[in-house]
mmCIF file of all heavy atoms, coordinates in Angstrom:
data_MODEL
# 
_entry.id   MODEL 
# 
loop_
_atom_site.group_PDB 
_atom_site.id 
_atom_site.type_symbol 
_atom_site.label_atom_id 
_atom_site.label_alt_id 
_atom_site.label_comp_id 
_atom_site.label_asym_id 
_atom_site.label_entity_id 
_atom_site.label_seq_id 
_atom_site.pdbx_PDB_ins_code 
_atom_site.Cartn_x 
_atom_site.Cartn_y 
_atom_site.Cartn_z 
_atom_site.occupancy 
_atom_site.B_iso_or_equiv 
_atom_site.pdbx_formal_charge 
_atom_site.auth_seq_id 
_atom_site.auth_comp_id 
_atom_site.auth_asym_id 
_atom_site.auth_atom_id 
_atom_site.pdbx_PDB_model_num 
ATOM 1   N N   . ALA A 1 1  ? 113.358 116.856 100.346 1.00 0.00 ? 1  ALA A N   1 
ATOM 2   C CA  . ALA A 1 1  ? 114.786 117.267 100.546 1.00 0.00 ? 1  ALA A CA  1 
ATOM 3   C C   . ALA A 1 1  ? 114.895 118.667 100.932 1.00 0.00 ? 1  ALA A C   1 
ATOM 4   O O   . ALA A 1 1  ? 115.605 119.170 101.775 1.00 0.00 ? 1  ALA A O   1 
ATOM 5   C CB  . ALA A 1 1  ? 115.564 116.959 99.397  1.00 0.00 ? 1  ALA A CB  1 
ATOM 6   N N   . ARG A 1 2  ? 114.072 119.549 100.334 1.00 0.00 ? 2  ARG A N   1 
ATOM 7   C CA  . ARG A 1 2  ? 114.059 120.956 100.570 1.00 0.00 ? 2  ARG A CA  1 
ATOM 8   C C   . ARG A 1 2  ? 113.601 121.170 102.074 1.00 0.00 ? 2  ARG A C   1 
ATOM 9   O O   . ARG A 1 2  ? 114.260 121.934 102.741 1.00 0.00 ? 2  ARG A O   1 
ATOM 10  C CB  . ARG A 1 2  ? 113.156 121.669 99.684  1.00 0.00 ? 2  ARG A CB  1 
ATOM 11  C CG  . ARG A 1 2  ? 113.668 122.015 98.249  1.00 0.00 ? 2  ARG A CG  1 
ATOM 12  C CD  . ARG A 1 2  ? 112.867 122.802 97.436  1.00 0.00 ? 2  ARG A CD  1 
ATOM 13  N NE  . ARG A 1 2  ? 113.487 123.193 96.089  1.00 0.00 ? 2  ARG A NE  1 
ATOM 14  C CZ  . ARG A 1 2  ? 114.383 123.984 95.878  1.00 0.00 ? 2  ARG A CZ  1 
ATOM 15  N NH1 . ARG A 1 2  ? 114.669 124.710 96.951  1.00 0.00 ? 2  ARG A NH1 1 
ATOM 16  N NH2 . ARG A 1 2  ? 114.828 124.151 94.670  1.00 0.00 ? 2  ARG A NH2 1 
ATOM 17  N N   . ARG A 1 3  ? 112.582 120.505 102.397 1.00 0.00 ? 3  ARG A N   1 
ATOM 18  C CA  . ARG A 1 3  ? 112.101 120.618 103.784 1.00 0.00 ? 3  ARG A CA  1 
ATOM 19  C C   . ARG A 1 3  ? 113.054 120.186 104.863 1.00 0.00 ? 3  ARG A C   1 
ATOM 20  O O   . ARG A 1 3  ? 113.225 120.774 105.976 1.00 0.00 ? 3  ARG A O   1 
ATOM 21  C CB  . ARG A 1 3  ? 110.755 119.940 104.080 1.00 0.00 ? 3  ARG A CB  1 
ATOM 22  C CG  . ARG A 1 3  ? 110.066 120.096 105.369 1.00 0.00 ? 3  ARG A CG  1 
ATOM 23  C CD  . ARG A 1 3  ? 108.845 119.333 105.522 1.00 0.00 ? 3  ARG A CD  1 
ATOM 24  N NE  . ARG A 1 3  ? 109.208 117.905 105.704 1.00 0.00 ? 3  ARG A NE  1 
ATOM 25  C CZ  . ARG A 1 3  ? 108.183 116.976 105.931 1.00 0.00 ? 3  ARG A CZ  1 
ATOM 26  N NH1 . ARG A 1 3  ? 106.869 117.249 105.940 1.00 0.00 ? 3  ARG A NH1 1 
ATOM 27  N NH2 . ARG A 1 3  ? 108.618 115.693 106.108 1.00 0.00 ? 3  ARG A NH2 1 
ATOM 28  N N   . GLY A 1 4  ? 113.842 119.093 104.532 1.00 0.00 ? 4  GLY A N   1 
ATOM 29  C CA  . GLY A 1 4  ? 114.828 118.623 105.312 1.00 0.00 ? 4  GLY A CA  1 
ATOM 30  C C   . GLY A 1 4  ? 116.226 119.405 105.482 1.00 0.00 ? 4  GLY A C   1 
ATOM 31  O O   . GLY A 1 4  ? 117.168 119.002 106.171 1.00 0.00 ? 4  GLY A O   1 
ATOM 32  N N   . GLY A 1 5  ? 116.330 120.515 104.580 1.00 0.00 ? 5  GLY A N   1 
ATOM 33  C CA  . GLY A 1 5  ? 117.406 121.390 104.530 1.00 0.00 ? 5  GLY A CA  1 
ATOM 34  C C   . GLY A 1 5  ? 118.554 121.092 103.674 1.00 0.00 ? 5  GLY A C   1 
ATOM 35  O O   . GLY A 1 5  ? 119.733 121.570 103.806 1.00 0.00 ? 5  GLY A O   1 
ATOM 36  N N   . LEU A 1 6  ? 118.312 120.101 102.728 1.00 0.00 ? 6  LEU A N   1 
ATOM 37  C CA  . LEU A 1 6  ? 119.406 119.690 101.748 1.00 0.00 ? 6  LEU A CA  1 
ATOM 38  C C   . LEU A 1 6  ? 119.258 120.671 100.597 1.00 0.00 ? 6  LEU A C   1 
ATOM 39  O O   . LEU A 1 6  ? 118.811 120.330 99.599  1.00 0.00 ? 6  LEU A O   1 
ATOM 40  C CB  . LEU A 1 6  ? 119.219 118.222 101.376 1.00 0.00 ? 6  LEU A CB  1 
ATOM 41  C CG  . LEU A 1 6  ? 120.262 117.630 100.368 1.00 0.00 ? 6  LEU A CG  1 
ATOM 42  C CD1 . LEU A 1 6  ? 121.628 117.803 100.953 1.00 0.00 ? 6  LEU A CD1 1 
ATOM 43  C CD2 . LEU A 1 6  ? 120.058 116.163 99.986  1.00 0.00 ? 6  LEU A CD2 1 
ATOM 44  N N   . VAL A 1 7  ? 119.672 121.831 100.775 1.00 0.00 ? 7  VAL A N   1 
ATOM 45  C CA  . VAL A 1 7  ? 119.602 122.894 99.719  1.00 0.00 ? 7  VAL A CA  1 
ATOM 46  C C   . VAL A 1 7  ? 120.921 123.715 99.750  1.00 0.00 ? 7  VAL A C   1 
ATOM 47  O O   . VAL A 1 7  ? 121.448 123.923 100.758 1.00 0.00 ? 7  VAL A O   1 
ATOM 48  C CB  . VAL A 1 7  ? 118.398 123.886 100.036 1.00 0.00 ? 7  VAL A CB  1 
ATOM 49  C CG1 . VAL A 1 7  ? 118.296 124.950 98.885  1.00 0.00 ? 7  VAL A CG1 1 
ATOM 50  C CG2 . VAL A 1 7  ? 117.076 123.157 100.220 1.00 0.00 ? 7  VAL A CG2 1 
ATOM 51  N N   . ASP A 1 8  ? 121.363 124.035 98.469  1.00 0.00 ? 8  ASP A N   1 
ATOM 52  C CA  . ASP A 1 8  ? 122.555 124.761 98.191  1.00 0.00 ? 8  ASP A CA  1 
ATOM 53  C C   . ASP A 1 8  ? 122.265 126.257 98.429  1.00 0.00 ? 8  ASP A C   1 
ATOM 54  O O   . ASP A 1 8  ? 121.214 126.697 98.528  1.00 0.00 ? 8  ASP A O   1 
ATOM 55  C CB  . ASP A 1 8  ? 123.015 124.453 96.839  1.00 0.00 ? 8  ASP A CB  1 
ATOM 56  C CG  . ASP A 1 8  ? 124.186 123.456 96.927  1.00 0.00 ? 8  ASP A CG  1 
ATOM 57  O OD1 . ASP A 1 8  ? 124.735 123.137 97.905  1.00 0.00 ? 8  ASP A OD1 1 
ATOM 58  O OD2 . ASP A 1 8  ? 124.610 122.940 95.916  1.00 0.00 ? 8  ASP A OD2 1 
ATOM 59  N N   . ALA A 1 9  ? 123.439 127.011 98.439  1.00 0.00 ? 9  ALA A N   1 
ATOM 60  C CA  . ALA A 1 9  ? 123.300 128.351 98.602  1.00 0.00 ? 9  ALA A CA  1 
ATOM 61  C C   . ALA A 1 9  ? 122.458 129.122 97.374  1.00 0.00 ? 9  ALA A C   1 
ATOM 62  O O   . ALA A 1 9  ? 121.970 130.077 97.528  1.00 0.00 ? 9  ALA A O   1 
ATOM 63  C CB  . ALA A 1 9  ? 124.632 129.052 98.683  1.00 0.00 ? 9  ALA A CB  1 
ATOM 64  N N   . ASP A 1 10 ? 122.573 128.487 96.165  1.00 0.00 ? 10 ASP A N   1 
ATOM 65  C CA  . ASP A 1 10 ? 121.897 128.941 95.045  1.00 0.00 ? 10 ASP A CA  1 
ATOM 66  C C   . ASP A 1 10 ? 120.409 128.378 95.005  1.00 0.00 ? 10 ASP A C   1 
ATOM 67  O O   . ASP A 1 10 ? 119.801 128.491 93.893  1.00 0.00 ? 10 ASP A O   1 
ATOM 68  C CB  . ASP A 1 10 ? 122.684 128.638 93.699  1.00 0.00 ? 10 ASP A CB  1 
ATOM 69  C CG  . ASP A 1 10 ? 122.910 127.186 93.607  1.00 0.00 ? 10 ASP A CG  1 
ATOM 70  O OD1 . ASP A 1 10 ? 122.420 126.319 94.437  1.00 0.00 ? 10 ASP A OD1 1 
ATOM 71  O OD2 . ASP A 1 10 ? 123.523 126.729 92.647  1.00 0.00 ? 10 ASP A OD2 1 
ATOM 72  N N   . ASP A 1 11 ? 119.841 127.824 96.009  1.00 0.00 ? 11 ASP A N   1 
ATOM 73  C CA  . ASP A 1 11 ? 118.524 127.303 96.195  1.00 0.00 ? 11 ASP A CA  1 
ATOM 74  C C   . ASP A 1 11 ? 118.287 126.087 95.220  1.00 0.00 ? 11 ASP A C   1 
ATOM 75  O O   . ASP A 1 11 ? 117.104 125.911 94.827  1.00 0.00 ? 11 ASP A O   1 
ATOM 76  C CB  . ASP A 1 11 ? 117.532 128.466 95.959  1.00 0.00 ? 11 ASP A CB  1 
ATOM 77  C CG  . ASP A 1 11 ? 116.108 128.121 96.410  1.00 0.00 ? 11 ASP A CG  1 
ATOM 78  O OD1 . ASP A 1 11 ? 116.063 127.552 97.515  1.00 0.00 ? 11 ASP A OD1 1 
ATOM 79  O OD2 . ASP A 1 11 ? 115.112 128.334 95.825  1.00 0.00 ? 11 ASP A OD2 1 
ATOM 80  N N   . THR A 1 12 ? 119.257 125.260 95.030  1.00 0.00 ? 12 THR A N   1 
ATOM 81  C CA  . THR A 1 12 ? 119.074 124.096 94.380  1.00 0.00 ? 12 THR A CA  1 
ATOM 82  C C   . THR A 1 12 ? 119.244 122.800 95.280  1.00 0.00 ? 12 THR A C   1 
ATOM 83  O O   . THR A 1 12 ? 120.022 123.046 96.284  1.00 0.00 ? 12 THR A O   1 
ATOM 84  C CB  . THR A 1 12 ? 119.965 123.910 93.232  1.00 0.00 ? 12 THR A CB  1 
ATOM 85  O OG1 . THR A 1 12 ? 121.340 123.843 93.650  1.00 0.00 ? 12 THR A OG1 1 
ATOM 86  C CG2 . THR A 1 12 ? 119.711 125.050 92.141  1.00 0.00 ? 12 THR A CG2 1 
ATOM 87  N N   . VAL A 1 13 ? 118.653 121.749 94.935  1.00 0.00 ? 13 VAL A N   1 
ATOM 88  C CA  . VAL A 1 13 ? 118.863 120.510 95.792  1.00 0.00 ? 13 VAL A CA  1 
ATOM 89  C C   . VAL A 1 13 ? 119.953 119.783 95.253  1.00 0.00 ? 13 VAL A C   1 
ATOM 90  O O   . VAL A 1 13 ? 119.985 119.228 94.129  1.00 0.00 ? 13 VAL A O   1 
ATOM 91  C CB  . VAL A 1 13 ? 117.603 119.666 95.798  1.00 0.00 ? 13 VAL A CB  1 
ATOM 92  C CG1 . VAL A 1 13 ? 117.790 118.373 96.466  1.00 0.00 ? 13 VAL A CG1 1 
ATOM 93  C CG2 . VAL A 1 13 ? 116.422 120.494 96.343  1.00 0.00 ? 13 VAL A CG2 1 
ATOM 94  N N   . PRO A 1 14 ? 121.188 119.610 95.988  1.00 0.00 ? 14 PRO A N   1 
ATOM 95  C CA  . PRO A 1 14 ? 122.399 119.038 95.483  1.00 0.00 ? 14 PRO A CA  1 
ATOM 96  C C   . PRO A 1 14 ? 122.255 117.442 95.574  1.00 0.00 ? 14 PRO A C   1 
ATOM 97  O O   . PRO A 1 14 ? 123.044 116.755 96.312  1.00 0.00 ? 14 PRO A O   1 
ATOM 98  C CB  . PRO A 1 14 ? 123.456 119.522 96.294  1.00 0.00 ? 14 PRO A CB  1 
ATOM 99  C CG  . PRO A 1 14 ? 122.757 119.806 97.706  1.00 0.00 ? 14 PRO A CG  1 
ATOM 100 C CD  . PRO A 1 14 ? 121.352 120.265 97.385  1.00 0.00 ? 14 PRO A CD  1 
ATOM 101 N N   . LEU A 1 15 ? 121.339 116.816 94.889  1.00 0.00 ? 15 LEU A N   1 
ATOM 102 C CA  . LEU A 1 15 ? 121.083 115.442 95.088  1.00 0.00 ? 15 LEU A CA  1 
ATOM 103 C C   . LEU A 1 15 ? 120.659 114.810 93.602  1.00 0.00 ? 15 LEU A C   1 
ATOM 104 O O   . LEU A 1 15 ? 119.816 115.523 92.981  1.00 0.00 ? 15 LEU A O   1 
ATOM 105 C CB  . LEU A 1 15 ? 119.940 115.214 96.036  1.00 0.00 ? 15 LEU A CB  1 
ATOM 106 C CG  . LEU A 1 15 ? 119.626 113.776 96.484  1.00 0.00 ? 15 LEU A CG  1 
ATOM 107 C CD1 . LEU A 1 15 ? 120.938 113.177 97.160  1.00 0.00 ? 15 LEU A CD1 1 
ATOM 108 C CD2 . LEU A 1 15 ? 118.311 113.736 97.323  1.00 0.00 ? 15 LEU A CD2 1 
ATOM 109 N N   . ASP A 1 16 ? 121.267 113.701 93.292  1.00 0.00 ? 16 ASP A N   1 
ATOM 110 C CA  . ASP A 1 16 ? 120.807 113.023 92.112  1.00 0.00 ? 16 ASP A CA  1 
ATOM 111 C C   . ASP A 1 16 ? 119.788 112.018 92.477  1.00 0.00 ? 16 ASP A C   1 
ATOM 112 O O   . ASP A 1 16 ? 119.961 111.107 93.417  1.00 0.00 ? 16 ASP A O   1 
ATOM 113 C CB  . ASP A 1 16 ? 122.062 112.307 91.499  1.00 0.00 ? 16 ASP A CB  1 
ATOM 114 C CG  . ASP A 1 16 ? 123.127 113.191 91.027  1.00 0.00 ? 16 ASP A CG  1 
ATOM 115 O OD1 . ASP A 1 16 ? 122.712 114.252 90.437  1.00 0.00 ? 16 ASP A OD1 1 
ATOM 116 O OD2 . ASP A 1 16 ? 124.263 112.951 91.189  1.00 0.00 ? 16 ASP A OD2 1 
ATOM 117 N N   . ILE A 1 17 ? 118.680 112.028 91.844  1.00 0.00 ? 17 ILE A N   1 
ATOM 118 C CA  . ILE A 1 17 ? 117.507 111.161 92.111  1.00 0.00 ? 17 ILE A CA  1 
ATOM 119 C C   . ILE A 1 17 ? 117.291 110.097 91.019  1.00 0.00 ? 17 ILE A C   1 
ATOM 120 O O   . ILE A 1 17 ? 117.207 110.412 89.852  1.00 0.00 ? 17 ILE A O   1 
ATOM 121 C CB  . ILE A 1 17 ? 116.199 112.036 92.213  1.00 0.00 ? 17 ILE A CB  1 
ATOM 122 C CG1 . ILE A 1 17 ? 116.390 113.173 93.335  1.00 0.00 ? 17 ILE A CG1 1 
ATOM 123 C CG2 . ILE A 1 17 ? 115.069 111.245 92.718  1.00 0.00 ? 17 ILE A CG2 1 
ATOM 124 C CD1 . ILE A 1 17 ? 115.196 114.176 93.335  1.00 0.00 ? 17 ILE A CD1 1 
ATOM 125 N N   . ALA A 1 18 ? 117.203 108.894 91.459  1.00 0.00 ? 18 ALA A N   1 
ATOM 126 C CA  . ALA A 1 18 ? 117.107 107.776 90.431  1.00 0.00 ? 18 ALA A CA  1 
ATOM 127 C C   . ALA A 1 18 ? 115.877 106.993 90.822  1.00 0.00 ? 18 ALA A C   1 
ATOM 128 O O   . ALA A 1 18 ? 115.718 106.270 91.741  1.00 0.00 ? 18 ALA A O   1 
ATOM 129 C CB  . ALA A 1 18 ? 118.408 106.909 90.657  1.00 0.00 ? 18 ALA A CB  1 
ATOM 130 N N   . PRO A 1 19 ? 114.914 107.088 89.874  1.00 0.00 ? 19 PRO A N   1 
ATOM 131 C CA  . PRO A 1 19 ? 113.670 106.239 89.959  1.00 0.00 ? 19 PRO A CA  1 
ATOM 132 C C   . PRO A 1 19 ? 114.001 104.691 89.735  1.00 0.00 ? 19 PRO A C   1 
ATOM 133 O O   . PRO A 1 19 ? 114.940 104.517 88.703  1.00 0.00 ? 19 PRO A O   1 
ATOM 134 C CB  . PRO A 1 19 ? 112.783 106.789 88.904  1.00 0.00 ? 19 PRO A CB  1 
ATOM 135 C CG  . PRO A 1 19 ? 113.590 107.473 87.888  1.00 0.00 ? 19 PRO A CG  1 
ATOM 136 C CD  . PRO A 1 19 ? 114.835 107.914 88.622  1.00 0.00 ? 19 PRO A CD  1 
ATOM 137 N N   . LEU A 1 20 ? 113.592 103.894 90.466  1.00 0.00 ? 20 LEU A N   1 
ATOM 138 C CA  . LEU A 1 20 ? 113.796 102.383 90.257  1.00 0.00 ? 20 LEU A CA  1 
ATOM 139 C C   . LEU A 1 20 ? 112.419 101.702 89.814  1.00 0.00 ? 20 LEU A C   1 
ATOM 140 O O   . LEU A 1 20 ? 111.514 101.680 90.723  1.00 0.00 ? 20 LEU A O   1 
ATOM 141 C CB  . LEU A 1 20 ? 114.359 101.796 91.611  1.00 0.00 ? 20 LEU A CB  1 
ATOM 142 C CG  . LEU A 1 20 ? 114.464 100.283 91.727  1.00 0.00 ? 20 LEU A CG  1 
ATOM 143 C CD1 . LEU A 1 20 ? 115.125 99.634  90.494  1.00 0.00 ? 20 LEU A CD1 1 
ATOM 144 C CD2 . LEU A 1 20 ? 115.075 100.012 93.095  1.00 0.00 ? 20 LEU A CD2 1 
ATOM 145 N N   . PHE A 1 21 ? 112.541 101.320 88.600  1.00 0.00 ? 21 PHE A N   1 
ATOM 146 C CA  . PHE A 1 21 ? 111.285 100.666 88.128  1.00 0.00 ? 21 PHE A CA  1 
ATOM 147 C C   . PHE A 1 21 ? 111.222 99.185  88.487  1.00 0.00 ? 21 PHE A C   1 
ATOM 148 O O   . PHE A 1 21 ? 112.131 98.447  87.904  1.00 0.00 ? 21 PHE A O   1 
ATOM 149 C CB  . PHE A 1 21 ? 111.036 100.932 86.598  1.00 0.00 ? 21 PHE A CB  1 
ATOM 150 C CG  . PHE A 1 21 ? 111.027 102.374 86.195  1.00 0.00 ? 21 PHE A CG  1 
ATOM 151 C CD1 . PHE A 1 21 ? 111.837 102.840 85.303  1.00 0.00 ? 21 PHE A CD1 1 
ATOM 152 C CD2 . PHE A 1 21 ? 110.157 103.234 86.830  1.00 0.00 ? 21 PHE A CD2 1 
ATOM 153 C CE1 . PHE A 1 21 ? 111.817 104.200 84.969  1.00 0.00 ? 21 PHE A CE1 1 
ATOM 154 C CE2 . PHE A 1 21 ? 110.125 104.558 86.471  1.00 0.00 ? 21 PHE A CE2 1 
ATOM 155 C CZ  . PHE A 1 21 ? 110.897 105.037 85.605  1.00 0.00 ? 21 PHE A CZ  1 
ATOM 156 N N   . GLU A 1 22 ? 110.279 98.618  89.091  1.00 0.00 ? 22 GLU A N   1 
ATOM 157 C CA  . GLU A 1 22 ? 110.384 97.236  89.656  1.00 0.00 ? 22 GLU A CA  1 
ATOM 158 C C   . GLU A 1 22 ? 109.320 96.360  89.226  1.00 0.00 ? 22 GLU A C   1 
ATOM 159 O O   . GLU A 1 22 ? 109.471 95.133  89.420  1.00 0.00 ? 22 GLU A O   1 
ATOM 160 C CB  . GLU A 1 22 ? 110.526 97.392  91.172  1.00 0.00 ? 22 GLU A CB  1 
ATOM 161 C CG  . GLU A 1 22 ? 111.792 98.107  91.750  1.00 0.00 ? 22 GLU A CG  1 
ATOM 162 C CD  . GLU A 1 22 ? 111.966 97.923  93.132  1.00 0.00 ? 22 GLU A CD  1 
ATOM 163 O OE1 . GLU A 1 22 ? 112.589 96.884  93.481  1.00 0.00 ? 22 GLU A OE1 1 
ATOM 164 O OE2 . GLU A 1 22 ? 111.512 98.696  93.998  1.00 0.00 ? 22 GLU A OE2 1 
ATOM 165 N N   . THR A 1 23 ? 108.194 96.811  88.821  1.00 0.00 ? 23 THR A N   1 
ATOM 166 C CA  . THR A 1 23 ? 107.205 95.882  88.510  1.00 0.00 ? 23 THR A CA  1 
ATOM 167 C C   . THR A 1 23 ? 107.144 95.852  86.900  1.00 0.00 ? 23 THR A C   1 
ATOM 168 O O   . THR A 1 23 ? 107.759 96.799  86.155  1.00 0.00 ? 23 THR A O   1 
ATOM 169 C CB  . THR A 1 23 ? 105.662 96.383  88.839  1.00 0.00 ? 23 THR A CB  1 
ATOM 170 O OG1 . THR A 1 23 ? 105.422 97.709  88.191  1.00 0.00 ? 23 THR A OG1 1 
ATOM 171 C CG2 . THR A 1 23 ? 105.746 96.690  90.410  1.00 0.00 ? 23 THR A CG2 1 
ATOM 172 N N   . VAL A 1 24 ? 106.628 94.887  86.356  1.00 0.00 ? 24 VAL A N   1 
ATOM 173 C CA  . VAL A 1 24 ? 106.431 94.762  84.858  1.00 0.00 ? 24 VAL A CA  1 
ATOM 174 C C   . VAL A 1 24 ? 105.718 95.897  84.241  1.00 0.00 ? 24 VAL A C   1 
ATOM 175 O O   . VAL A 1 24 ? 106.212 96.504  83.301  1.00 0.00 ? 24 VAL A O   1 
ATOM 176 C CB  . VAL A 1 24 ? 105.845 93.372  84.611  1.00 0.00 ? 24 VAL A CB  1 
ATOM 177 C CG1 . VAL A 1 24 ? 105.591 93.302  83.049  1.00 0.00 ? 24 VAL A CG1 1 
ATOM 178 C CG2 . VAL A 1 24 ? 106.696 92.233  84.939  1.00 0.00 ? 24 VAL A CG2 1 
ATOM 179 N N   . ASP A 1 25 ? 104.639 96.262  84.940  1.00 0.00 ? 25 ASP A N   1 
ATOM 180 C CA  . ASP A 1 25 ? 103.925 97.554  84.284  1.00 0.00 ? 25 ASP A CA  1 
ATOM 181 C C   . ASP A 1 25 ? 104.800 98.694  84.343  1.00 0.00 ? 25 ASP A C   1 
ATOM 182 O O   . ASP A 1 25 ? 104.745 99.536  83.410  1.00 0.00 ? 25 ASP A O   1 
ATOM 183 C CB  . ASP A 1 25 ? 102.748 97.783  85.129  1.00 0.00 ? 25 ASP A CB  1 
ATOM 184 C CG  . ASP A 1 25 ? 101.660 96.628  84.830  1.00 0.00 ? 25 ASP A CG  1 
ATOM 185 O OD1 . ASP A 1 25 ? 101.724 96.028  83.737  1.00 0.00 ? 25 ASP A OD1 1 
ATOM 186 O OD2 . ASP A 1 25 ? 100.665 96.556  85.617  1.00 0.00 ? 25 ASP A OD2 1 
ATOM 187 N N   . ASP A 1 26 ? 105.519 98.928  85.467  1.00 0.00 ? 26 ASP A N   1 
ATOM 188 C CA  . ASP A 1 26 ? 106.412 100.082 85.676  1.00 0.00 ? 26 ASP A CA  1 
ATOM 189 C C   . ASP A 1 26 ? 107.426 100.131 84.473  1.00 0.00 ? 26 ASP A C   1 
ATOM 190 O O   . ASP A 1 26 ? 107.988 101.135 83.973  1.00 0.00 ? 26 ASP A O   1 
ATOM 191 C CB  . ASP A 1 26 ? 106.913 100.268 86.915  1.00 0.00 ? 26 ASP A CB  1 
ATOM 192 C CG  . ASP A 1 26 ? 105.922 100.796 88.028  1.00 0.00 ? 26 ASP A CG  1 
ATOM 193 O OD1 . ASP A 1 26 ? 104.993 101.467 87.577  1.00 0.00 ? 26 ASP A OD1 1 
ATOM 194 O OD2 . ASP A 1 26 ? 105.993 100.280 89.218  1.00 0.00 ? 26 ASP A OD2 1 
# 
């Protein structure tokens, strides 16, 4: 996201990231 330019003026990434656990082991 940082490389793609999705960065706020305060140098934070304004994005909520949700891991999706899909296997039984995960």
